[in-house]
């Protein structure tokens, strides 16, 4: 088959793009589609990669900012760009490392307990990566458990750069970038809290509790990543992260001791960046930008791309279904995006994400999400909800509030009042499905059915709201 080019709206499994056969969709959203790609030429880059193909109509400025961020962020424990090429219309396609491990959100959802050594292995590299981004003037914008993936050997990698921005911008963009820099530190602190709660084994409760109390004090500043690393090294040494669910379930008394304090509520929302009306100016700088990125990657191979035309049906559908009262921005696809979701290139779903969640059937995806939601409740883990609810959504706010009730002493096995989801066994009925959005009714035994709004991003399906 000849090498040809198509945009993210038209790419399909089996197509050959830039020397790679598209094997399957890893994730998709409003900005891009991310495919698992295998090299067609035998022996040439034998390892599979993640190909991020931007949708037709995506603003050049947002792509430019994302590529700038990926180039500036290059280093240990951030997703690696292998190559960048340009389509006939000037829109780039990004080739990234395929992260074969699972996401941190998935790991925390499946494992109630981590060891202290595993916590150190997870948190120290992330803290250093966030510090490096800040030093480079880059705000990531989505530092959360869904943006952290593991390599096959258990090393954490920060991905999902679709919401990134530079702090050398001007006017309103500069102000928003500074806000996101602060949000990055808050996100790192939230990850540290959740990981350390999971690492609270009985022999280390006192020392872990001291770090948790330190995390609850004040607002994190520039010194926070370094100070966090120092405190973590005082707890012990790092050890490999077991990506399979191999550890024993955490003892309830240990969990209660560690989770007794009420975490402050923080708003983690997607941000709407200014739209660039004059796309021509951005297009003019694109060749220079891509040239800079190429100089930073180790391998540059010739590509033959073209981005075909297509409609943004998924985005339109999502906007139609979002309740009018919601002010949350729909996460862009770059979250694998690169993932959301809004995952970035490999903020896309990992092997640890169930096939149902990344599949085409929203009913099957919802069944898997609700089972994960139950595990989050049983383990009283707020951070594991990142694998269930859309970032910044009303559903996430509601579910976080329920788990905080559990952390305050409610028996994790009992029913929490006002839970909108009926008890099992469940039956699902798809009421409406348009592009990347779906409305699904869930019925349970002797209970009132619930209508659940779902949004599909590059990380797979997520719950956006419980419609009562």
Protein backbone atom coordinates (compact mmCIF):
# COMPACT_ATOMS: atom_id res chain seq x y z
CA UNK A 1 0.00 0.00 0.00
CA UNK A 2 1.33 3.42 -0.89
CA UNK A 3 2.26 5.83 1.85
CA UNK A 4 -0.44 8.50 2.00
CA UNK A 5 -1.76 11.09 4.34
CA UNK A 6 -5.00 11.68 6.16
CA UNK A 7 -6.08 13.93 8.98
CA UNK A 8 -7.07 12.80 12.43
CA UNK A 9 -10.72 12.95 11.41
CA UNK A 10 -10.25 10.34 8.69
CA UNK A 11 -7.39 8.11 9.85
CA UNK A 12 -8.36 4.48 10.36
CA UNK A 13 -6.84 1.20 11.49
CA UNK A 14 -4.81 -0.38 8.72
CA UNK A 15 -3.86 2.89 7.03
CA UNK A 16 -0.18 3.61 6.43
CA UNK A 17 0.96 7.06 7.50
CA UNK A 18 4.55 8.22 7.31
CA UNK A 19 5.94 4.69 7.19
CA UNK A 20 3.79 3.43 10.07
CA UNK A 21 0.80 1.15 9.88
CA UNK A 22 -1.98 2.35 12.19
CA UNK A 23 -2.74 -0.65 14.42
CA UNK A 24 -5.42 0.70 16.73
CA UNK A 25 -6.64 3.88 18.37
CA UNK A 26 -5.00 4.55 21.71
CA UNK A 27 -7.20 7.53 22.39
CA UNK A 28 -9.03 10.41 20.77
CA UNK A 29 -10.44 13.76 21.71
CA UNK A 30 -11.41 17.12 20.32
CA UNK A 31 -7.89 18.04 19.15
CA UNK A 32 -6.29 14.85 17.93
CA UNK A 33 -6.40 11.11 17.46
CA UNK A 34 -3.53 9.01 18.81
CA UNK A 35 -2.76 5.70 17.12
CA UNK A 36 -0.51 2.81 17.99
CA UNK A 37 1.83 2.61 15.01
CA UNK A 38 4.14 -0.17 13.83
CA UNK A 39 6.94 0.55 11.32
CA UNK A 40 6.24 -0.93 7.92
CA UNK A 41 9.91 -1.45 7.05
CA UNK A 42 11.25 -4.59 8.75
CA UNK A 43 13.86 -3.81 11.37
CA UNK A 44 13.29 -0.05 11.29
CA UNK A 45 12.40 1.20 14.76
CA UNK A 46 10.99 -2.16 15.75
CA UNK A 47 9.26 -0.80 18.81
CA UNK A 48 5.70 0.49 18.38
CA UNK A 49 5.15 4.22 18.72
CA UNK A 50 2.31 6.61 19.41
CA UNK A 51 1.30 8.72 16.40
CA UNK A 52 -0.60 11.85 17.28
CA UNK A 53 -2.57 13.11 14.28
CA UNK A 54 -4.25 16.48 14.83
CA UNK A 55 -7.81 16.98 13.72
CA UNK A 56 -8.66 19.29 10.85
CA UNK A 57 -9.57 22.71 12.22
CA UNK A 58 -7.38 22.61 15.33
CA UNK A 59 -5.85 26.05 15.91
CA UNK A 60 -2.26 26.42 14.79
CA UNK A 61 -1.43 28.44 17.87
CA UNK A 62 -2.43 25.62 20.24
CA UNK A 63 -0.32 23.12 18.27
CA UNK A 64 2.59 25.54 18.25
CA UNK A 65 2.41 26.02 22.02
CA UNK A 66 2.23 22.26 22.61
CA UNK A 67 5.28 21.58 20.42
CA UNK A 68 7.17 24.39 22.13
CA UNK A 69 6.39 22.83 25.50
CA UNK A 70 7.42 19.33 24.39
CA UNK A 71 10.72 20.67 23.06
CA UNK A 72 11.44 22.69 26.21
CA UNK A 73 10.42 19.82 28.47
CA UNK A 74 12.75 17.29 26.84
CA UNK A 75 14.55 15.33 29.53
CA UNK A 76 14.24 12.44 31.97
CA UNK A 77 10.73 11.36 32.93
CA UNK A 78 8.84 13.46 30.38
CA UNK A 79 7.33 11.94 27.25
CA UNK A 80 9.89 11.77 24.44
CA UNK A 81 9.28 13.17 20.96
CA UNK A 82 10.80 10.90 18.31
CA UNK A 83 9.91 12.88 15.23
CA UNK A 84 7.69 15.65 13.87
CA UNK A 85 6.47 16.03 10.30
CA UNK A 86 4.18 18.43 8.48
CA UNK A 87 1.09 17.74 6.42
CA UNK A 88 0.21 19.47 3.18
CA UNK A 89 -1.78 22.08 5.10
CA UNK A 90 1.07 22.75 7.55
CA UNK A 91 -0.44 20.78 10.43
CA UNK A 92 2.20 18.62 12.16
CA UNK A 93 1.97 14.97 13.12
CA UNK A 94 3.96 14.01 16.21
CA UNK A 95 5.62 10.63 16.78
CA UNK A 96 6.16 9.86 20.46
CA UNK A 97 7.39 7.02 22.61
CA UNK A 98 4.68 4.48 23.24
CA UNK A 99 4.52 4.09 26.99
CA UNK A 100 3.88 0.40 27.55
CA UNK A 101 3.04 0.65 31.22
CA UNK A 102 -0.11 1.82 32.94
CA UNK A 103 -1.18 5.19 34.32
CA UNK A 104 -0.73 6.22 37.93
CA UNK A 105 -4.50 6.70 38.22
CA UNK A 106 -5.03 3.10 37.12
CA UNK A 107 -2.36 1.82 39.52
CA UNK A 108 -3.92 3.61 42.49
CA UNK A 109 -7.38 2.38 41.52
CA UNK A 110 -6.23 -1.25 41.50
CA UNK A 111 -3.79 -1.25 44.42
CA UNK A 112 -4.86 -0.03 47.84
CA UNK A 113 -1.27 -0.04 49.10
CA UNK A 114 2.18 0.91 47.84
CA UNK A 115 5.49 0.46 49.61
CA UNK A 116 7.52 3.44 50.80
CA UNK A 117 10.18 2.56 48.23
CA UNK A 118 7.62 2.57 45.42
CA UNK A 119 6.31 5.95 46.57
CA UNK A 120 9.83 7.37 46.40
CA UNK A 121 10.39 5.91 42.92
CA UNK A 122 7.15 7.52 41.72
CA UNK A 123 7.35 10.92 43.37
CA UNK A 124 11.01 11.96 43.17
CA UNK A 125 11.26 11.81 39.33
CA UNK A 126 7.91 13.61 39.00
CA UNK A 127 9.00 16.37 41.36
CA UNK A 128 12.22 16.83 39.41
CA UNK A 129 10.34 16.88 36.09
CA UNK A 130 7.94 19.57 37.37
CA UNK A 131 10.90 21.59 38.66
CA UNK A 132 12.61 21.32 35.27
CA UNK A 133 9.47 22.54 33.48
CA UNK A 134 9.20 25.54 35.80
CA UNK A 135 12.86 26.40 35.22
CA UNK A 136 12.18 26.31 31.47
CA UNK A 137 9.15 28.59 31.86
CA UNK A 138 6.65 25.88 30.91
CA UNK A 139 3.31 25.36 32.65
CA UNK A 140 2.09 21.80 32.05
CA UNK A 141 -1.54 22.51 32.91
CA UNK A 142 -2.64 18.98 33.81
CA UNK A 143 -0.36 17.55 36.47
CA UNK A 144 -2.55 14.73 37.77
CA UNK A 145 -2.58 10.95 38.02
CA UNK A 146 -3.97 10.56 34.49
CA UNK A 147 -0.97 12.41 33.05
CA UNK A 148 1.59 10.08 34.65
CA UNK A 149 2.42 6.84 32.87
CA UNK A 150 4.92 4.08 33.54
CA UNK A 151 7.47 2.53 31.24
CA UNK A 152 7.69 -1.25 31.13
CA UNK A 153 10.37 -1.17 33.83
CA UNK A 154 8.25 0.95 36.17
CA UNK A 155 9.73 4.42 35.63
CA UNK A 156 7.18 7.27 35.84
CA UNK A 157 6.81 9.58 32.84
CA UNK A 158 4.89 12.87 32.71
CA UNK A 159 2.85 13.09 29.49
CA UNK A 160 -0.33 14.90 28.35
CA UNK A 161 1.07 18.26 27.24
CA UNK A 162 -2.03 19.40 25.37
CA UNK A 163 -2.83 22.15 27.89
CA UNK A 164 0.75 23.39 28.27
CA UNK A 165 1.69 27.04 27.87
CA UNK A 166 4.79 29.20 28.12
CA UNK A 167 5.23 31.91 30.74
CA UNK A 168 7.07 34.21 28.35
CA UNK A 169 3.75 35.05 26.71
CA UNK A 170 2.02 38.39 27.13
CA UNK A 171 -1.18 39.91 28.46
CA UNK A 172 -3.99 37.51 29.41
CA UNK A 173 -2.06 34.46 28.21
CA UNK A 174 0.79 35.36 30.57
CA UNK A 175 -1.57 35.69 33.52
CA UNK A 176 -3.24 32.37 32.79
CA UNK A 177 0.15 30.70 32.35
CA UNK A 178 1.24 31.89 35.78
CA UNK A 179 -1.98 30.50 37.26
CA UNK A 180 -1.28 27.14 35.64
CA UNK A 181 2.27 27.13 37.03
CA UNK A 182 0.73 27.35 40.49
CA UNK A 183 -1.77 24.63 39.54
CA UNK A 184 1.15 22.38 38.53
CA UNK A 185 2.55 22.57 42.05
CA UNK A 186 -0.88 21.94 43.55
CA UNK A 187 -1.23 18.93 41.26
CA UNK A 188 2.15 17.59 42.37
CA UNK A 189 1.14 18.04 46.00
CA UNK A 190 -2.14 16.19 45.41
CA UNK A 191 -0.30 13.31 43.74
CA UNK A 192 2.19 13.17 46.61
CA UNK A 193 -0.61 13.06 49.16
CA UNK A 194 -2.44 10.22 47.40
CA UNK A 195 0.71 8.15 46.80
CA UNK A 196 1.89 8.56 50.40
CA UNK A 197 -1.54 7.64 51.75
CA UNK A 198 -1.27 4.43 49.75
CA UNK A 199 2.26 3.89 51.09
CA UNK A 200 1.29 4.03 54.76
CA UNK A 201 2.32 0.58 55.95
CA UNK A 202 2.11 0.04 59.71
CA UNK A 203 5.84 0.22 60.40
CA UNK A 204 6.09 3.58 58.65
CA UNK A 205 2.86 5.33 59.62
CA UNK A 206 4.53 7.91 61.86
CA UNK A 207 7.13 9.07 59.32
CA UNK A 208 4.64 9.13 56.46
CA UNK A 209 2.15 11.07 58.58
CA UNK A 210 4.80 13.73 59.22
CA UNK A 211 5.26 14.25 55.49
CA UNK A 212 1.49 14.31 54.97
CA UNK A 213 1.13 16.99 57.65
CA UNK A 214 3.87 19.01 55.94
CA UNK A 215 1.98 18.72 52.64
CA UNK A 216 -1.11 20.25 54.24
CA UNK A 217 0.70 23.44 55.29
CA UNK A 218 0.68 26.56 53.15
CA UNK A 219 0.77 27.02 49.40
CA UNK A 220 3.57 25.28 47.48
CA UNK A 221 6.13 27.60 45.91
CA UNK A 222 9.22 27.26 43.74
CA UNK A 223 11.07 25.40 46.48
CA UNK A 224 8.36 22.75 46.87
CA UNK A 225 9.64 20.09 44.41
CA UNK A 226 13.13 20.11 45.94
CA UNK A 227 11.82 20.10 49.50
CA UNK A 228 9.52 17.19 48.67
CA UNK A 229 12.45 15.17 47.32
CA UNK A 230 14.46 15.82 50.48
CA UNK A 231 11.64 14.65 52.73
CA UNK A 232 11.04 11.56 50.61
CA UNK A 233 14.69 10.51 50.80
CA UNK A 234 14.44 10.74 54.59
CA UNK A 235 11.84 7.95 54.43
CA UNK A 236 14.16 5.46 52.74
CA UNK A 237 15.34 4.33 49.32
CA UNK A 238 13.47 3.80 46.11
CA UNK A 239 12.49 0.39 44.77
CA UNK A 240 10.92 -0.83 41.51
CA UNK A 241 7.20 -0.21 41.11
CA UNK A 242 5.14 -3.40 40.77
CA UNK A 243 2.75 -2.51 37.96
CA UNK A 244 0.58 -5.58 38.49
CA UNK A 245 -1.83 -5.78 41.41
CA UNK A 246 0.58 -7.87 43.46
CA UNK A 247 0.52 -6.19 46.86
CA UNK A 248 -1.71 -7.12 49.81
CA UNK A 249 -4.74 -4.98 50.52
CA UNK A 250 -4.01 -2.14 52.92
CA UNK A 251 -5.10 -2.72 56.49
CA UNK A 252 -8.13 -0.61 57.36
CA UNK A 253 -6.56 0.74 60.57
CA UNK A 254 -3.54 2.00 58.64
CA UNK A 255 -5.77 3.64 56.05
CA UNK A 256 -7.90 5.29 58.72
CA UNK A 257 -4.82 6.63 60.51
CA UNK A 258 -3.41 8.13 57.33
CA UNK A 259 -6.69 9.44 55.93
CA UNK A 260 -8.03 11.04 59.11
CA UNK A 261 -7.39 14.62 57.98
CA UNK A 262 -9.76 16.27 55.54
CA UNK A 263 -7.91 17.37 52.39
CA UNK A 264 -8.65 20.86 51.22
CA UNK A 265 -10.85 20.97 48.17
CA UNK A 266 -9.03 22.14 45.10
CA UNK A 267 -10.49 22.99 41.75
CA UNK A 268 -8.72 21.25 38.89
CA UNK A 269 -10.31 22.45 35.72
CA UNK A 270 -9.55 22.49 32.06
CA UNK A 271 -8.66 25.95 30.81
CA UNK A 272 -9.94 27.66 27.70
CA UNK A 273 -7.02 29.30 25.95
CA UNK A 274 -7.47 32.36 23.74
CA UNK A 275 -8.43 31.60 20.14
CA UNK A 276 -5.98 32.93 17.56
CA UNK A 277 -8.01 34.61 14.83
CA UNK A 278 -5.06 35.27 12.56
CA UNK A 279 -3.97 31.70 11.83
CA UNK A 280 -1.72 32.85 9.01
CA UNK A 281 0.77 34.34 11.46
CA UNK A 282 1.02 31.06 13.34
CA UNK A 283 1.36 29.07 10.12
CA UNK A 284 4.24 31.30 9.15
CA UNK A 285 6.20 30.31 12.25
CA UNK A 286 5.36 26.61 12.05
CA UNK A 287 8.31 25.60 9.81
CA UNK A 288 10.74 27.30 12.21
CA UNK A 289 9.13 25.61 15.20
CA UNK A 290 9.21 22.15 13.65
CA UNK A 291 12.84 22.66 12.69
CA UNK A 292 13.65 23.47 16.33
CA UNK A 293 11.85 20.39 17.60
CA UNK A 294 13.61 18.18 15.08
CA UNK A 295 16.98 19.40 16.28
CA UNK A 296 16.09 18.19 19.77
CA UNK A 297 15.04 14.66 18.85
CA UNK A 298 17.52 11.92 18.20
CA UNK A 299 16.04 10.49 15.02
CA UNK A 300 14.59 12.39 12.10
CA UNK A 301 13.24 10.41 9.18
CA UNK A 302 11.66 11.75 6.00
CA UNK A 303 7.88 11.73 6.05
CA UNK A 304 5.21 11.97 3.42
CA UNK A 305 2.20 13.47 5.13
CA UNK A 306 -0.90 15.33 4.27
CA UNK A 307 -3.78 16.21 6.53
CA UNK A 308 -7.17 15.68 4.91
CA UNK A 309 -10.26 17.75 5.53
CA UNK A 310 -12.87 16.74 8.10
CA UNK A 311 -15.48 18.06 10.48
CA UNK A 312 -15.14 18.50 14.22
CA UNK A 313 -18.20 16.38 14.88
CA UNK A 314 -16.98 15.08 18.22
CA UNK A 315 -16.42 18.56 19.59
CA UNK A 316 -19.79 19.81 18.37
CA UNK A 317 -21.54 16.82 19.89
CA UNK A 318 -19.82 17.25 23.23
CA UNK A 319 -20.78 20.91 23.40
CA UNK A 320 -24.40 20.10 22.53
CA UNK A 321 -24.70 17.64 25.38
CA UNK A 322 -22.94 19.66 28.08
CA UNK A 323 -25.42 21.16 30.56
CA UNK A 324 -25.89 24.88 30.07
CA UNK A 325 -25.01 25.64 33.66
CA UNK A 326 -21.58 24.11 33.42
CA UNK A 327 -18.62 26.43 33.13
CA UNK A 328 -16.06 23.67 32.79
CA UNK A 329 -14.06 23.59 29.61
CA UNK A 330 -14.16 20.35 27.65
CA UNK A 331 -10.64 18.91 27.90
CA UNK A 332 -8.92 18.90 24.56
CA UNK A 333 -7.64 15.73 23.08
CA UNK A 334 -4.11 16.61 23.73
CA UNK A 335 -4.62 15.49 27.21
CA UNK A 336 -3.25 12.13 25.97
CA UNK A 337 -3.66 14.35 24.36
CA UNK A 338 -0.75 14.63 24.45
CA UNK A 339 -5.25 13.14 27.46
CA UNK A 340 -6.40 13.72 27.74
CA UNK A 341 -7.08 12.65 27.95
CA UNK A 342 -6.64 15.34 27.48
CA UNK A 343 -3.82 12.80 27.23
CA UNK A 344 -0.56 14.22 24.92
CA UNK A 345 0.90 11.89 22.77
CA UNK A 346 1.17 9.22 25.22
CA UNK A 347 -1.08 10.56 27.75
CA UNK A 348 -3.18 8.16 25.85
CA UNK A 349 -4.54 5.05 27.44
CA UNK A 350 -1.91 2.58 28.52
CA UNK A 351 -2.06 -1.18 28.69
CA UNK A 352 -3.36 -0.73 32.24
CA UNK A 353 -6.54 0.87 30.91
CA UNK A 354 -9.38 -1.57 30.25
CA UNK A 355 -10.37 -2.17 26.65
CA UNK A 356 -13.95 -1.22 27.53
CA UNK A 357 -12.95 2.28 28.66
CA UNK A 358 -11.12 3.03 25.41
CA UNK A 359 -13.59 1.16 23.19
CA UNK A 360 -16.47 2.44 21.09
CA UNK A 361 -19.35 1.24 23.32
CA UNK A 362 -20.17 3.87 25.99
CA UNK A 363 -22.34 1.40 27.93
CA UNK A 364 -19.48 -1.07 28.32
CA UNK A 365 -17.14 1.80 29.18
CA UNK A 366 -19.53 3.07 31.86
CA UNK A 367 -19.76 -0.39 33.44
CA UNK A 368 -15.96 -0.48 33.73
CA UNK A 369 -15.81 3.10 35.06
CA UNK A 370 -18.42 2.41 37.74
CA UNK A 371 -16.52 -0.67 38.91
CA UNK A 372 -13.37 1.44 39.23
CA UNK A 373 -15.42 4.06 41.06
CA UNK A 374 -16.45 1.41 43.59
CA UNK A 375 -12.80 0.45 44.12
CA UNK A 376 -11.97 4.11 44.72
CA UNK A 377 -14.65 4.23 47.41
CA UNK A 378 -13.51 1.00 49.06
CA UNK A 379 -9.92 2.26 49.25
CA UNK A 380 -11.02 5.84 50.13
CA UNK A 381 -8.77 7.15 47.34
CA UNK A 382 -9.57 10.53 45.81
CA UNK A 383 -6.75 10.47 43.29
CA UNK A 384 -7.91 7.22 41.72
CA UNK A 385 -11.04 9.08 40.57
CA UNK A 386 -8.88 10.56 37.80
CA UNK A 387 -9.41 7.20 36.06
CA UNK A 388 -13.20 7.63 36.34
CA UNK A 389 -14.29 11.28 36.06
CA UNK A 390 -13.46 14.04 33.60
CA UNK A 391 -10.99 16.58 34.99
CA UNK A 392 -12.78 19.68 36.26
CA UNK A 393 -16.23 18.11 35.93
CA UNK A 394 -19.15 18.23 38.34
CA UNK A 395 -18.96 14.44 38.59
CA UNK A 396 -15.40 14.66 39.90
CA UNK A 397 -16.40 17.30 42.45
CA UNK A 398 -19.31 15.17 43.69
CA UNK A 399 -17.30 11.94 43.88
CA UNK A 400 -14.44 13.65 45.69
CA UNK A 401 -16.91 14.95 48.29
CA UNK A 402 -18.28 11.42 48.82
CA UNK A 403 -14.82 9.96 49.38
CA UNK A 404 -13.90 12.75 51.78
CA UNK A 405 -16.93 11.66 53.81
CA UNK A 406 -15.48 8.16 53.83
CA UNK A 407 -12.10 9.50 54.94
CA UNK A 408 -13.80 11.20 57.86
CA UNK A 409 -14.87 7.90 59.34
CA UNK A 410 -17.78 6.58 57.31
CA UNK A 411 -17.46 2.83 56.85
CA UNK A 412 -16.12 2.37 53.32
CA UNK A 413 -18.43 -0.62 52.81
CA UNK A 414 -21.63 1.20 53.68
CA UNK A 415 -23.85 3.26 51.41
CA UNK A 416 -23.11 6.97 51.34
CA UNK A 417 -26.23 9.17 51.18
CA UNK A 418 -27.05 10.87 47.89
CA UNK A 419 -24.97 8.55 45.76
CA UNK A 420 -26.52 9.05 42.29
CA UNK A 421 -25.41 5.62 41.06
CA UNK A 422 -27.81 2.77 41.89
CA UNK A 423 -26.45 -0.45 43.42
CA UNK A 424 -25.55 -3.47 41.32
CA UNK A 425 -26.60 -5.37 39.29
CA UNK A 426 -26.65 -2.68 36.63
CA UNK A 427 -28.45 -2.41 33.33
CA UNK A 428 -27.43 0.22 30.80
CA UNK A 429 -29.41 2.01 28.11
CA UNK A 430 -27.74 4.41 25.66
CA UNK A 431 -30.17 7.31 25.31
CA UNK A 432 -28.09 9.49 22.99
CA UNK A 433 -24.66 9.25 21.38
CA UNK A 434 -23.12 11.99 19.27
CA UNK A 435 -19.45 11.95 18.39
CA UNK A 436 -17.42 12.03 21.58
CA UNK A 437 -20.36 12.35 23.98
CA UNK A 438 -23.01 9.96 25.23
CA UNK A 439 -25.96 10.00 27.62
CA UNK A 440 -26.47 6.63 29.31
CA UNK A 441 -29.19 5.56 31.77
CA UNK A 442 -28.15 3.17 34.54
CA UNK A 443 -30.76 1.04 36.30
CA UNK A 444 -30.18 -0.97 39.46
CA UNK A 445 -32.10 -3.28 41.72
CA UNK A 446 -35.08 -1.54 43.37
CA UNK A 447 -33.67 1.95 42.84
CA UNK A 448 -34.24 5.04 40.75
CA UNK A 449 -32.38 4.98 37.41
CA UNK A 450 -29.61 7.52 36.92
CA UNK A 451 -28.70 9.38 33.74
CA UNK A 452 -24.96 9.81 33.29
CA UNK A 453 -23.26 12.15 30.82
CA UNK A 454 -20.01 10.75 29.40
CA UNK A 455 -17.27 12.42 27.38
CA UNK A 456 -14.70 10.57 25.27
CA UNK A 457 -11.15 11.91 25.23
CA UNK A 458 -7.79 10.49 24.26
CA UNK A 459 -7.65 8.73 27.63
CA UNK A 460 -10.92 6.97 26.87
CA UNK A 461 -14.42 7.53 28.24
CA UNK A 462 -14.90 9.57 31.42
CA UNK A 463 -17.96 10.57 33.46
CA UNK A 464 -18.78 14.28 33.22
CA UNK A 465 -21.99 14.63 35.21
CA UNK A 466 -24.72 12.73 37.02
CA UNK A 467 -27.99 14.17 35.74
CA UNK A 468 -30.62 14.01 38.44
